[in-house]
Amino acid sequence: MPAAFHSAARGSPRARLVLVVGLVAACAAGLRGAELRKETIEAWKRYVAATERRIAAEVEDGDRFLVQDFLPDAEPLRAALLAGEPVIDRMDTRDAQGERLDVPKGRIHHWRGAILVPNATVDHVVDSLQHSMPAEELQSDVVESAVLWREGNRLRTFLKLNRRSVVNMHYNTEHEVEYVRPGGDRAWSRSRSLRIAELEGFGTPEEREKPVGDDRGFLWRLNVYWRYQEVAEGVLMECEIVTLSRSIPFLMRWMVAPIVNREGRAAMLNMLRAMRTRLDPGPVADGS
């Protein structure tokens, strides 16, 4: 970390504020343009394929189901969830040899979060998500949504996103979504981005899309994987979010990476809490 940072950080609040504002401005200026390259896309495909192979094996396990059920601390994690605490962690898919999957000219962000929706059933949760509850009611970063087509448990959706990390970002996006309902107390879903276009002039008459893959590079791909498990207390909802962005320049990494990680965790927490609030059907009447 530069010595100038330590010196200014020990100064007055005004000096610290000026430093932070200057650093953020420098980051924004340094991250103005990026091009999504073929080798980056291929690396993303390898990462997603490895992730989806693991997910497929886990949901078909029979006994265990959630990601956390396969972790060494599965019991305390489940106890925390059942007590109403959200659980959030970063994830990192590795190859068959346990090595990191390199992403040239790009960076993959992989988060897992889970929460209990009390009093709910799997049918209620999945039916609400699939048919009756617009995405903007569940996710604070969704400005507008629409179902473009639907066929059984598969649909294509449009989402207009307003995201914030180092800077504000706005996107028009399209996604292929599939829900799997094998019966019993479990279900799962998968959403893969099909198109992500960054917007200029958001909310103005001059609003327009930048060329796909030739923008600032903050969001190039977005996949979301949900698992839903009904328990006596309600429904455990667990989410994996995997996104692809440009890589962070080395000289900025010490400052930008913590901001990105903090915003990623906060976004996951906000979404989980909104899901719990909107999907909770309320106390179940005692029929005795």
Protein backbone atom coordinates (compact mmCIF):
# COMPACT_ATOMS: atom_id res chain seq x y z
CA MET A 1 0.00 0.00 0.00
CA PRO A 2 1.49 3.42 -0.90
CA ALA A 3 3.15 5.34 1.95
CA ALA A 4 1.14 8.44 0.98
CA PHE A 5 -2.01 6.61 1.93
CA HIS A 6 -0.74 5.87 5.45
CA SER A 7 0.34 9.48 5.90
CA ALA A 8 -2.99 10.93 4.77
CA ALA A 9 -4.96 8.30 6.67
CA ARG A 10 -3.41 9.57 9.91
CA GLY A 11 -4.37 13.15 9.09
CA SER A 12 -7.57 15.11 9.66
CA PRO A 13 -11.01 13.76 8.64
CA ARG A 14 -11.02 16.27 5.79
CA ALA A 15 -7.68 14.95 4.53
CA ARG A 16 -8.95 11.39 4.70
CA LEU A 17 -12.11 12.35 2.82
CA VAL A 18 -10.10 14.09 0.09
CA LEU A 19 -7.87 11.04 -0.19
CA VAL A 20 -10.78 8.63 -0.55
CA VAL A 21 -12.56 10.80 -3.10
CA GLY A 22 -9.35 11.18 -5.08
CA LEU A 23 -8.66 7.46 -5.04
CA VAL A 24 -12.17 6.57 -6.14
CA ALA A 25 -11.97 9.13 -8.95
CA ALA A 26 -8.63 7.67 -10.00
CA CYS A 27 -10.10 4.17 -10.00
CA ALA A 28 -13.08 5.27 -12.08
CA ALA A 29 -10.79 6.99 -14.56
CA GLY A 30 -8.51 3.97 -14.74
CA LEU A 31 -11.41 1.60 -15.36
CA ARG A 32 -13.10 3.45 -18.21
CA GLY A 33 -12.84 0.96 -21.02
CA ALA A 34 -12.36 -2.79 -21.44
CA GLU A 35 -12.87 -5.38 -24.14
CA LEU A 36 -14.26 -8.85 -23.46
CA ARG A 37 -11.79 -11.20 -25.13
CA LYS A 38 -12.18 -14.72 -26.44
CA GLU A 39 -9.76 -16.21 -23.91
CA THR A 40 -11.73 -14.58 -21.08
CA ILE A 41 -14.99 -16.07 -22.35
CA GLU A 42 -13.42 -19.52 -22.67
CA ALA A 43 -12.11 -19.32 -19.10
CA TRP A 44 -15.59 -18.31 -17.91
CA LYS A 45 -17.10 -21.31 -19.69
CA ARG A 46 -14.62 -23.65 -18.00
CA TYR A 47 -15.37 -22.15 -14.60
CA VAL A 48 -19.14 -22.41 -15.10
CA ALA A 49 -18.90 -25.98 -16.39
CA ALA A 50 -16.90 -27.06 -13.33
CA THR A 51 -19.30 -25.23 -11.01
CA GLU A 52 -22.38 -26.78 -12.60
CA ARG A 53 -20.87 -30.28 -12.43
CA ARG A 54 -20.45 -29.85 -8.68
CA ILE A 55 -23.95 -28.44 -8.28
CA ALA A 56 -25.48 -31.33 -10.24
CA ALA A 57 -23.71 -33.87 -8.04
CA GLU A 58 -24.77 -32.10 -4.83
CA VAL A 59 -28.47 -31.74 -5.63
CA GLU A 60 -28.62 -35.42 -6.62
CA ASP A 61 -26.79 -36.61 -3.50
CA GLY A 62 -29.91 -37.90 -1.77
CA ASP A 63 -28.97 -37.13 1.84
CA ARG A 64 -27.23 -33.76 1.65
CA PHE A 65 -28.57 -30.93 -0.49
CA LEU A 66 -27.34 -27.43 0.29
CA VAL A 67 -23.76 -26.40 -0.45
CA GLN A 68 -23.13 -25.98 3.26
CA ASP A 69 -24.18 -29.60 3.89
CA PHE A 70 -20.94 -30.64 2.17
CA LEU A 71 -18.72 -28.40 4.32
CA PRO A 72 -16.83 -29.48 7.46
CA ASP A 73 -18.86 -27.05 9.62
CA ALA A 74 -22.23 -28.10 8.17
CA GLU A 75 -23.97 -28.56 11.53
CA PRO A 76 -23.28 -25.11 13.03
CA LEU A 77 -24.08 -23.47 9.69
CA ARG A 78 -27.47 -25.18 9.56
CA ALA A 79 -28.13 -24.32 13.20
CA ALA A 80 -27.40 -20.66 12.45
CA LEU A 81 -29.75 -20.72 9.45
CA LEU A 82 -32.56 -22.33 11.41
CA ALA A 83 -32.09 -19.66 14.07
CA GLY A 84 -32.81 -17.03 11.43
CA GLU A 85 -29.26 -15.86 10.71
CA PRO A 86 -28.21 -15.33 7.07
CA VAL A 87 -25.05 -17.17 6.06
CA ILE A 88 -22.76 -15.59 3.42
CA ASP A 89 -19.40 -16.80 2.11
CA ARG A 90 -17.15 -16.35 -0.89
CA MET A 91 -16.63 -19.42 -3.06
CA ASP A 92 -13.93 -20.53 -5.48
CA THR A 93 -14.39 -23.35 -7.97
CA ARG A 94 -11.22 -25.35 -8.66
CA ASP A 95 -10.29 -27.82 -11.40
CA ALA A 96 -10.12 -31.60 -10.94
CA GLN A 97 -6.60 -31.27 -9.49
CA GLY A 98 -7.68 -28.62 -6.99
CA GLU A 99 -5.91 -25.81 -8.84
CA ARG A 100 -7.34 -22.35 -9.40
CA LEU A 101 -8.94 -21.73 -12.79
CA ASP A 102 -7.06 -18.86 -14.41
CA VAL A 103 -9.14 -16.13 -16.06
CA PRO A 104 -6.97 -14.03 -18.39
CA LYS A 105 -8.05 -10.37 -18.63
CA GLY A 106 -10.97 -11.10 -16.33
CA ARG A 107 -12.07 -11.74 -12.76
CA ILE A 108 -14.75 -14.13 -11.48
CA HIS A 109 -16.73 -13.23 -8.37
CA HIS A 110 -18.44 -16.20 -6.69
CA TRP A 111 -20.63 -15.80 -3.62
CA ARG A 112 -22.91 -18.10 -1.66
CA GLY A 113 -25.70 -16.96 0.64
CA ALA A 114 -28.52 -18.70 2.49
CA ILE A 115 -31.49 -17.70 4.63
CA LEU A 116 -34.59 -19.20 6.22
CA VAL A 117 -38.02 -18.09 5.00
CA PRO A 118 -40.18 -18.96 8.03
CA ASN A 119 -43.62 -20.56 7.71
CA ALA A 120 -43.19 -21.09 3.94
CA THR A 121 -43.39 -24.20 1.78
CA VAL A 122 -41.30 -25.07 -1.27
CA ASP A 123 -44.38 -24.83 -3.48
CA HIS A 124 -45.20 -21.34 -2.18
CA VAL A 125 -41.64 -20.08 -2.66
CA VAL A 126 -41.10 -21.51 -6.14
CA ASP A 127 -44.57 -20.55 -7.40
CA SER A 128 -44.04 -16.98 -6.16
CA LEU A 129 -40.63 -16.68 -7.81
CA GLN A 130 -41.68 -18.33 -11.04
CA HIS A 131 -45.06 -16.73 -11.59
CA SER A 132 -46.28 -13.96 -9.30
CA MET A 133 -43.46 -11.91 -7.78
CA PRO A 134 -41.59 -9.41 -10.01
CA ALA A 135 -37.82 -9.38 -9.58
CA GLU A 136 -37.79 -5.69 -8.65
CA GLU A 137 -39.76 -6.57 -5.49
CA LEU A 138 -37.03 -9.00 -4.41
CA GLN A 139 -33.79 -7.37 -5.54
CA SER A 140 -32.92 -3.76 -4.87
CA ASP A 141 -30.66 -3.61 -7.94
CA VAL A 142 -33.51 -4.52 -10.34
CA VAL A 143 -35.18 -1.41 -11.77
CA GLU A 144 -37.47 -3.13 -14.26
CA SER A 145 -38.29 -6.72 -15.24
CA ALA A 146 -40.36 -8.66 -17.76
CA VAL A 147 -40.94 -12.24 -18.85
CA LEU A 148 -40.11 -12.44 -22.56
CA TRP A 149 -41.37 -15.99 -23.03
CA ARG A 150 -42.38 -18.96 -20.92
CA GLU A 151 -42.57 -22.68 -21.61
CA GLY A 152 -43.35 -24.91 -18.66
CA ASN A 153 -40.65 -24.42 -16.03
CA ARG A 154 -38.37 -22.55 -18.43
CA LEU A 155 -38.53 -18.84 -19.17
CA ARG A 156 -36.54 -15.98 -20.62
CA THR A 157 -36.49 -12.78 -18.62
CA PHE A 158 -35.45 -9.16 -19.08
CA LEU A 159 -33.92 -7.28 -16.16
CA LYS A 160 -32.79 -3.66 -16.08
CA LEU A 161 -30.12 -3.45 -13.38
CA ASN A 162 -28.76 -0.59 -11.32
CA ARG A 163 -25.57 -1.75 -9.61
CA ARG A 164 -22.96 -0.01 -7.52
CA SER A 165 -19.41 -1.04 -6.71
CA VAL A 166 -16.64 1.48 -7.30
CA VAL A 167 -19.03 3.46 -9.55
CA ASN A 168 -22.69 3.34 -10.55
CA MET A 169 -23.53 0.94 -13.38
CA HIS A 170 -26.74 0.33 -15.34
CA TYR A 171 -27.52 -2.57 -17.66
CA ASN A 172 -30.14 -4.11 -19.91
CA THR A 173 -29.89 -7.87 -19.42
CA GLU A 174 -31.61 -11.05 -20.60
CA HIS A 175 -31.52 -14.40 -18.84
CA GLU A 176 -32.51 -18.01 -19.42
CA VAL A 177 -34.12 -19.41 -16.27
CA GLU A 178 -35.11 -22.97 -15.43
CA TYR A 179 -36.84 -24.37 -12.33
CA VAL A 180 -36.51 -28.04 -11.39
CA ARG A 181 -39.16 -29.48 -9.09
CA PRO A 182 -38.51 -33.20 -8.48
CA GLY A 183 -41.16 -33.38 -5.79
CA GLY A 184 -40.88 -33.78 -2.06
CA ASP A 185 -39.18 -31.11 0.03
CA ARG A 186 -36.66 -29.87 -2.56
CA ALA A 187 -36.39 -27.76 -5.69
CA TRP A 188 -33.68 -25.79 -7.45
CA SER A 189 -33.30 -23.23 -10.22
CA ARG A 190 -30.67 -21.91 -12.59
CA SER A 191 -30.39 -18.53 -14.32
CA ARG A 192 -27.78 -17.89 -17.02
CA SER A 193 -27.22 -14.50 -18.58
CA LEU A 194 -27.73 -14.42 -22.35
CA ARG A 195 -27.08 -10.74 -22.97
CA ILE A 196 -25.66 -7.91 -20.85
CA ALA A 197 -25.44 -4.40 -22.28
CA GLU A 198 -24.14 -1.48 -20.22
CA LEU A 199 -26.19 1.71 -20.49
CA GLU A 200 -25.13 5.30 -21.01
CA GLY A 201 -27.35 8.19 -20.04
CA PHE A 202 -29.51 6.01 -17.79
CA GLY A 203 -32.92 7.53 -17.12
CA THR A 204 -32.54 10.29 -19.70
CA PRO A 205 -33.90 10.68 -23.25
CA GLU A 206 -30.33 9.93 -24.44
CA GLU A 207 -30.20 6.53 -22.74
CA ARG A 208 -28.54 3.99 -25.02
CA GLU A 209 -26.70 0.67 -24.89
CA LYS A 210 -22.96 0.42 -25.28
CA PRO A 211 -21.67 -2.33 -27.59
CA VAL A 212 -21.95 -5.67 -25.78
CA GLY A 213 -18.53 -6.71 -24.49
CA ASP A 214 -16.98 -3.32 -25.30
CA ASP A 215 -17.76 -1.23 -22.23
CA ARG A 216 -16.26 -0.53 -18.82
CA GLY A 217 -16.19 -4.24 -18.06
CA PHE A 218 -17.80 -4.28 -14.61
CA LEU A 219 -20.37 -6.97 -15.52
CA TRP A 220 -19.92 -9.28 -18.50
CA ARG A 221 -21.66 -12.45 -17.28
CA LEU A 222 -24.11 -13.25 -14.48
CA ASN A 223 -25.27 -16.74 -13.43
CA VAL A 224 -27.45 -17.44 -10.39
CA TYR A 225 -28.15 -20.86 -8.84
CA TRP A 226 -30.79 -21.36 -6.15
CA ARG A 227 -31.68 -24.35 -3.96
CA TYR A 228 -34.88 -24.56 -1.93
CA GLN A 229 -35.36 -27.05 0.93
CA GLU A 230 -38.48 -27.30 3.05
CA VAL A 231 -37.92 -27.94 6.75
CA ALA A 232 -40.15 -27.80 9.81
CA GLU A 233 -39.35 -24.10 10.33
CA GLY A 234 -40.02 -23.04 6.72
CA VAL A 235 -37.86 -23.06 3.59
CA LEU A 236 -34.08 -22.82 3.48
CA MET A 237 -33.07 -20.82 0.40
CA GLU A 238 -29.46 -20.98 -0.73
CA CYS A 239 -28.03 -18.97 -3.60
CA GLU A 240 -24.79 -19.04 -5.58
CA ILE A 241 -24.04 -15.96 -7.68
CA VAL A 242 -21.21 -16.16 -10.22
CA THR A 243 -20.25 -13.06 -12.21
CA LEU A 244 -17.51 -12.15 -14.68
CA SER A 245 -15.89 -8.73 -14.85
CA ARG A 246 -12.69 -7.18 -16.15
CA SER A 247 -9.60 -7.80 -14.07
CA ILE A 248 -8.57 -5.16 -11.55
CA PRO A 249 -5.35 -3.36 -12.52
CA PHE A 250 -2.54 -4.45 -10.19
CA LEU A 251 -1.76 -0.98 -8.85
CA MET A 252 -5.43 -0.44 -7.91
CA ARG A 253 -6.08 -3.92 -6.50
CA TRP A 254 -5.16 -3.05 -2.91
CA MET A 255 -7.99 -0.50 -2.79
CA VAL A 256 -10.56 -1.73 -5.32
CA ALA A 257 -10.70 -5.41 -4.32
CA PRO A 258 -11.90 -4.74 -0.73
CA ILE A 259 -14.59 -2.39 -2.05
CA VAL A 260 -15.79 -4.97 -4.57
CA ASN A 261 -15.85 -7.69 -1.91
CA ARG A 262 -17.70 -5.48 0.57
CA GLU A 263 -20.30 -4.48 -2.02
CA GLY A 264 -20.71 -8.11 -3.13
CA ARG A 265 -21.41 -9.24 0.42
CA ALA A 266 -23.80 -6.34 1.05
CA ALA A 267 -25.71 -7.03 -2.18
CA MET A 268 -26.12 -10.68 -1.24
CA LEU A 269 -27.31 -9.81 2.27
CA ASN A 270 -29.82 -7.25 0.97
CA MET A 271 -31.23 -9.75 -1.52
CA LEU A 272 -31.57 -12.51 1.08
CA ARG A 273 -33.36 -10.22 3.51
CA ALA A 274 -35.71 -8.99 0.79
CA MET A 275 -36.47 -12.60 -0.18
CA ARG A 276 -37.30 -13.47 3.41
CA THR A 277 -39.55 -10.44 3.85
CA ARG A 278 -41.45 -10.82 0.58
CA LEU A 279 -41.79 -14.63 0.59
CA ASP A 280 -42.79 -15.08 4.23
CA PRO A 281 -46.50 -16.01 4.09
CA GLY A 282 -47.02 -15.05 7.73
CA PRO A 283 -47.82 -17.20 10.74
CA VAL A 284 -49.53 -20.48 9.92
CA ALA A 285 -52.90 -20.78 11.61
CA ASP A 286 -53.18 -23.57 14.18
CA GLY A 287 -55.74 -25.99 12.88
CA SER A 288 -56.12 -27.89 16.15
